[in-house]
PDB file of N, CA and C in Angstrom:
ATOM      1  N   MET A   1     102.860 171.472 109.590  1.00  0.00           N
ATOM      2  CA  MET A   1     104.322 171.416 108.696  1.00  0.00           C
ATOM      3  C   MET A   1     104.010 171.994 107.269  1.00  0.00           C
ATOM      4  N   GLY A   2     103.534 171.677 107.180  1.00  0.00           N
ATOM      5  CA  GLY A   2     102.797 172.190 105.433  1.00  0.00           C
ATOM      6  C   GLY A   2     103.602 171.273 104.415  1.00  0.00           C
ATOM      7  N   ALA A   3     103.897 173.033 104.080  1.00  0.00           N
ATOM      8  CA  ALA A   3     104.653 173.262 102.816  1.00  0.00           C
ATOM      9  C   ALA A   3     105.758 173.012 102.695  1.00  0.00           C
ATOM     10  N   GLU A   4     106.655 173.872 104.334  1.00  0.00           N
ATOM     11  CA  GLU A   4     107.644 173.330 104.600  1.00  0.00           C
ATOM     12  C   GLU A   4     108.404 171.698 104.504  1.00  0.00           C
ATOM     13  N   ALA A   5     107.768 171.343 104.727  1.00  0.00           N
ATOM     14  CA  ALA A   5     107.853 169.455 104.579  1.00  0.00           C
ATOM     15  C   ALA A   5     108.571 168.991 103.159  1.00  0.00           C
ATOM     16  N   LEU A   6     107.543 169.957 102.658  1.00  0.00           N
ATOM     17  CA  LEU A   6     108.276 169.381 101.042  1.00  0.00           C
ATOM     18  C   LEU A   6     109.514 170.066 100.752  1.00  0.00           C
ATOM     19  N   LYS A   7     109.636 171.035 101.632  1.00  0.00           N
ATOM     20  CA  LYS A   7     111.678 171.630 100.791  1.00  0.00           C
ATOM     21  C   LYS A   7     112.716 171.570 101.471  1.00  0.00           C
ATOM     22  N   ALA A   8     111.862 169.988 102.150  1.00  0.00           N
ATOM     23  CA  ALA A   8     113.440 169.742 103.247  1.00  0.00           C
ATOM     24  C   ALA A   8     114.015 168.556 102.260  1.00  0.00           C
ATOM     25  N   PRO A   9     115.313 167.951 102.247  1.00  0.00           N
ATOM     26  CA  PRO A   9     115.988 167.025 101.107  1.00  0.00           C
ATOM     27  C   PRO A   9     115.749 165.955 102.117  1.00  0.00           C
ATOM     28  N   VAL A  10     115.521 164.983 101.017  1.00  0.00           N
ATOM     29  CA  VAL A  10     115.481 163.648 101.594  1.00  0.00           C
ATOM     30  C   VAL A  10     116.770 162.639 102.272  1.00  0.00           C
ATOM     31  N   GLU A  11     116.748 162.817 103.471  1.00  0.00           N
ATOM     32  CA  GLU A  11     118.333 161.578 103.869  1.00  0.00           C
ATOM     33  C   GLU A  11     117.744 160.311 104.189  1.00  0.00           C
ATOM     34  N   GLY A  12     118.832 159.704 103.706  1.00  0.00           N
ATOM     35  CA  GLY A  12     119.420 158.658 103.543  1.00  0.00           C
ATOM     36  C   GLY A  12     118.840 157.847 102.134  1.00  0.00           C
ATOM     37  N   VAL A  13     118.586 158.888 101.120  1.00  0.00           N
ATOM     38  CA  VAL A  13     118.448 158.213 100.365  1.00  0.00           C
ATOM     39  C   VAL A  13     119.581 158.480  98.700  1.00  0.00           C
ATOM     40  N   GLU A  14     119.754 157.833  98.124  1.00  0.00           N
ATOM     41  CA  GLU A  14     120.794 157.597  97.579  1.00  0.00           C
ATOM     42  C   GLU A  14     120.702 156.936  95.320  1.00  0.00           C
ATOM     43  N   GLY A  15     121.473 157.652  95.044  1.00  0.00           N
ATOM     44  CA  GLY A  15     121.585 156.726  93.433  1.00  0.00           C
ATOM     45  C   GLY A  15     120.491 157.811  92.372  1.00  0.00           C
ATOM     46  N   SER A  16     120.820 157.350  91.405  1.00  0.00           N
ATOM     47  CA  SER A  16     120.372 158.834  90.086  1.00  0.00           C
ATOM     48  C   SER A  16     118.425 157.755  89.701  1.00  0.00           C
ATOM     49  N   LEU A  17     118.349 158.917  89.474  1.00  0.00           N
ATOM     50  CA  LEU A  17     116.951 158.739  88.592  1.00  0.00           C
ATOM     51  C   LEU A  17     116.776 158.106  86.823  1.00  0.00           C
ATOM     52  N   SER A  18     115.643 157.381  87.478  1.00  0.00           N
ATOM     53  CA  SER A  18     115.644 156.516  86.288  1.00  0.00           C
ATOM     54  C   SER A  18     115.373 157.126  84.719  1.00  0.00           C
ATOM     55  N   THR A  19     114.824 157.410  83.902  1.00  0.00           N
ATOM     56  CA  THR A  19     114.444 157.691  82.545  1.00  0.00           C
ATOM     57  C   THR A  19     113.531 156.715  82.069  1.00  0.00           C
ATOM     58  N   ALA A  20     112.712 155.863  82.822  1.00  0.00           N
ATOM     59  CA  ALA A  20     111.692 154.875  82.560  1.00  0.00           C
ATOM     60  C   ALA A  20     110.525 156.124  82.582  1.00  0.00           C
ATOM     61  N   THR A  21     109.503 155.997  82.152  1.00  0.00           N
ATOM     62  CA  THR A  21     108.313 156.579  81.607  1.00  0.00           C
ATOM     63  C   THR A  21     107.428 156.559  82.736  1.00  0.00           C
ATOM     64  N   PHE A  22     106.357 157.011  83.493  1.00  0.00           N
ATOM     65  CA  PHE A  22     104.997 156.894  84.474  1.00  0.00           C
ATOM     66  C   PHE A  22     104.848 155.512  83.617  1.00  0.00           C
ATOM     67  N   ARG A  23     104.144 154.845  84.241  1.00  0.00           N
ATOM     68  CA  ARG A  23     102.695 154.158  84.009  1.00  0.00           C
ATOM     69  C   ARG A  23     101.768 153.122  84.965  1.00  0.00           C
ATOM     70  N   PRO A  24     100.370 152.744  84.298  1.00  0.00           N
ATOM     71  CA  PRO A  24      99.377 152.767  85.750  1.00  0.00           C
ATOM     72  C   PRO A  24      99.926 151.676  86.321  1.00  0.00           C
ATOM     73  N   VAL A  25     100.015 151.188  87.511  1.00  0.00           N
ATOM     74  CA  VAL A  25     100.671 150.299  88.312  1.00  0.00           C
ATOM     75  C   VAL A  25      99.742 148.786  88.474  1.00  0.00           C
ATOM     76  N   PHE A  26      98.440 149.197  87.686  1.00  0.00           N
ATOM     77  CA  PHE A  26      97.855 148.290  87.115  1.00  0.00           C
ATOM     78  C   PHE A  26      96.499 147.998  85.876  1.00  0.00           C
ATOM     79  N   ASP A  27      96.809 147.544  85.683  1.00  0.00           N
ATOM     80  CA  ASP A  27      96.221 147.702  83.450  1.00  0.00           C
ATOM     81  C   ASP A  27      94.444 147.950  83.645  1.00  0.00           C
ATOM     82  N   ASP A  28      93.627 147.501  84.946  1.00  0.00           N
ATOM     83  CA  ASP A  28      92.076 147.812  84.659  1.00  0.00           C
ATOM     84  C   ASP A  28      91.966 147.750  86.545  1.00  0.00           C
ATOM     85  N   PHE A  29      91.666 149.058  86.341  1.00  0.00           N
ATOM     86  CA  PHE A  29      91.199 149.638  87.730  1.00  0.00           C
ATOM     87  C   PHE A  29      90.160 149.061  88.339  1.00  0.00           C
ATOM     88  N   TYR A  30      88.803 148.593  87.674  1.00  0.00           N
ATOM     89  CA  TYR A  30      87.476 148.039  88.036  1.00  0.00           C
ATOM     90  C   TYR A  30      87.452 146.710  88.298  1.00  0.00           C
ATOM     91  N   LEU A  31      88.814 145.780  87.749  1.00  0.00           N
ATOM     92  CA  LEU A  31      89.101 144.343  88.377  1.00  0.00           C
ATOM     93  C   LEU A  31      90.416 144.430  89.349  1.00  0.00           C
ATOM     94  N   THR A  32      89.966 145.302  90.272  1.00  0.00           N
ATOM     95  CA  THR A  32      91.252 145.448  91.239  1.00  0.00           C
ATOM     96  C   THR A  32      90.690 144.730  92.834  1.00  0.00           C
ATOM     97  N   ASN A  33      89.975 144.510  92.902  1.00  0.00           N
ATOM     98  CA  ASN A  33      89.565 143.773  94.098  1.00  0.00           C
ATOM     99  C   ASN A  33      88.289 141.826  93.771  1.00  0.00           C
ATOM    100  N   PRO A  34      88.205 141.451  94.792  1.00  0.00           N
ATOM    101  CA  PRO A  34      88.002 140.670  94.365  1.00  0.00           C
ATOM    102  C   PRO A  34      86.060 140.230  94.059  1.00  0.00           C
ATOM    103  N   ILE A  35      85.313 141.254  94.609  1.00  0.00           N
ATOM    104  CA  ILE A  35      83.732 141.478  94.718  1.00  0.00           C
ATOM    105  C   ILE A  35      83.929 142.395  93.296  1.00  0.00           C
ATOM    106  N   ALA A  36      84.905 143.032  92.843  1.00  0.00           N
ATOM    107  CA  ALA A  36      84.230 143.100  91.466  1.00  0.00           C
ATOM    108  C   ALA A  36      84.699 142.616  90.286  1.00  0.00           C
ATOM    109  N   ARG A  37      85.912 142.071  90.891  1.00  0.00           N
ATOM    110  CA  ARG A  37      85.657 140.475  89.151  1.00  0.00           C
ATOM    111  C   ARG A  37      84.783 139.664  89.240  1.00  0.00           C
ATOM    112  N   ALA A  38      83.537 139.975  90.590  1.00  0.00           N
ATOM    113  CA  ALA A  38      82.506 138.645  90.603  1.00  0.00           C
ATOM    114  C   ALA A  38      81.355 138.974  90.186  1.00  0.00           C
ATOM    115  N   SER A  39      81.435 140.807  90.238  1.00  0.00           N
ATOM    116  CA  SER A  39      80.751 141.476  89.502  1.00  0.00           C
ATOM    117  C   SER A  39      80.099 141.751  88.119  1.00  0.00           C
ATOM    118  N   LYS A  40      78.695 141.290  87.875  1.00  0.00           N
ATOM    119  CA  LYS A  40      78.729 141.366  86.093  1.00  0.00           C
ATOM    120  C   LYS A  40      78.321 142.699  85.972  1.00  0.00           C
ATOM    121  N   THR A  41      77.981 143.457  86.496  1.00  0.00           N
ATOM    122  CA  THR A  41      78.094 144.782  86.329  1.00  0.00           C
ATOM    123  C   THR A  41      79.866 145.745  86.234  1.00  0.00           C
ATOM    124  N   MET A  42      80.716 145.375  87.119  1.00  0.00           N
ATOM    125  CA  MET A  42      81.787 145.763  86.976  1.00  0.00           C
ATOM    126  C   MET A  42      82.393 145.233  85.838  1.00  0.00           C
ATOM    127  N   ALA A  43      82.156 144.089  85.498  1.00  0.00           N
ATOM    128  CA  ALA A  43      82.268 143.646  83.691  1.00  0.00           C
ATOM    129  C   ALA A  43      82.201 144.614  82.116  1.00  0.00           C
ATOM    130  N   GLU A  44      81.421 145.258  82.975  1.00  0.00           N
ATOM    131  CA  GLU A  44      80.762 145.662  82.129  1.00  0.00           C
ATOM    132  C   GLU A  44      81.324 147.065  81.949  1.00  0.00           C
ATOM    133  N   CYS A  45      81.304 147.820  83.191  1.00  0.00           N
ATOM    134  CA  CYS A  45      82.186 148.854  83.068  1.00  0.00           C
ATOM    135  C   CYS A  45      83.861 148.958  82.785  1.00  0.00           C
ATOM    136  N   SER A  46      84.066 147.661  83.274  1.00  0.00           N
ATOM    137  CA  SER A  46      85.429 147.377  82.924  1.00  0.00           C
ATOM    138  C   SER A  46      85.916 147.076  80.802  1.00  0.00           C
ATOM    139  N   ALA A  47      84.620 146.668  80.791  1.00  0.00           N
ATOM    140  CA  ALA A  47      84.456 146.274  78.897  1.00  0.00           C
ATOM    141  C   ALA A  47      84.596 147.885  78.615  1.00  0.00           C
ATOM    142  N   LEU A  48      83.547 148.694  79.115  1.00  0.00           N
ATOM    143  CA  LEU A  48      83.275 149.968  78.251  1.00  0.00           C
ATOM    144  C   LEU A  48      84.968 150.437  78.703  1.00  0.00           C
ATOM    145  N   ALA A  49      85.153 150.658  79.202  1.00  0.00           N
ATOM    146  CA  ALA A  49      86.584 151.446  79.845  1.00  0.00           C
ATOM    147  C   ALA A  49      87.324 151.584  78.723  1.00  0.00           C
ATOM    148  N   SER A  50      87.660 150.285  78.705  1.00  0.00           N
ATOM    149  CA  SER A  50      88.970 149.624  78.023  1.00  0.00           C
ATOM    150  C   SER A  50      88.567 149.570  76.366  1.00  0.00           C
ATOM    151  N   ALA A  51      87.362 149.869  75.943  1.00  0.00           N
ATOM    152  CA  ALA A  51      87.093 150.223  74.601  1.00  0.00           C
ATOM    153  C   ALA A  51      87.270 152.038  74.488  1.00  0.00           C
ATOM    154  N   LEU A  52      86.868 152.933  75.546  1.00  0.00           N
ATOM    155  CA  LEU A  52      87.605 153.712  75.231  1.00  0.00           C
ATOM    156  C   LEU A  52      88.111 154.583  74.792  1.00  0.00           C
ATOM    157  N   ASP A  53      89.454 153.781  75.368  1.00  0.00           N
ATOM    158  CA  ASP A  53      91.021 154.139  74.731  1.00  0.00           C
ATOM    159  C   ASP A  53      90.733 156.406  74.462  1.00  0.00           C
ATOM    160  N   THR A  54      90.381 156.651  75.661  1.00  0.00           N
ATOM    161  CA  THR A  54      90.494 158.397  75.843  1.00  0.00           C
ATOM    162  C   THR A  54      91.707 158.768  76.909  1.00  0.00           C
ATOM    163  N   PRO A  55      92.805 159.463  75.821  1.00  0.00           N
ATOM    164  CA  PRO A  55      94.215 159.539  77.244  1.00  0.00           C
ATOM    165  C   PRO A  55      93.569 160.514  78.109  1.00  0.00           C
ATOM    166  N   VAL A  56      94.624 160.697  78.937  1.00  0.00           N
ATOM    167  CA  VAL A  56      93.907 161.622  80.618  1.00  0.00           C
ATOM    168  C   VAL A  56      95.132 162.521  80.217  1.00  0.00           C
ATOM    169  N   ALA A  57      95.046 163.723  80.864  1.00  0.00           N
ATOM    170  CA  ALA A  57      95.456 164.809  80.916  1.00  0.00           C
ATOM    171  C   ALA A  57      96.643 165.343  80.863  1.00  0.00           C
ATOM    172  N   ALA A  58      97.601 164.009  81.218  1.00  0.00           N
ATOM    173  CA  ALA A  58      99.053 163.810  81.787  1.00  0.00           C
ATOM    174  C   ALA A  58      99.247 163.456  80.241  1.00  0.00           C
ATOM    175  N   GLU A  59      98.804 162.493  79.656  1.00  0.00           N
ATOM    176  CA  GLU A  59      99.170 162.026  78.203  1.00  0.00           C
ATOM    177  C   GLU A  59      99.626 163.274  77.668  1.00  0.00           C
TER     178      GLU A  59
END
């Protein structure tokens, strides 16, 4: 199918698009599962990642 599947219209979907901006589904990737939340190392990674506040390419 490949690229042809992307060109086909989506059937059964009605309505208008929202003007809301895209945002992450979760606030902290490093703490999305119980094992990571229980890990001291992952807690440190989470703290370091939140301190960076580096914009991603799409921003």
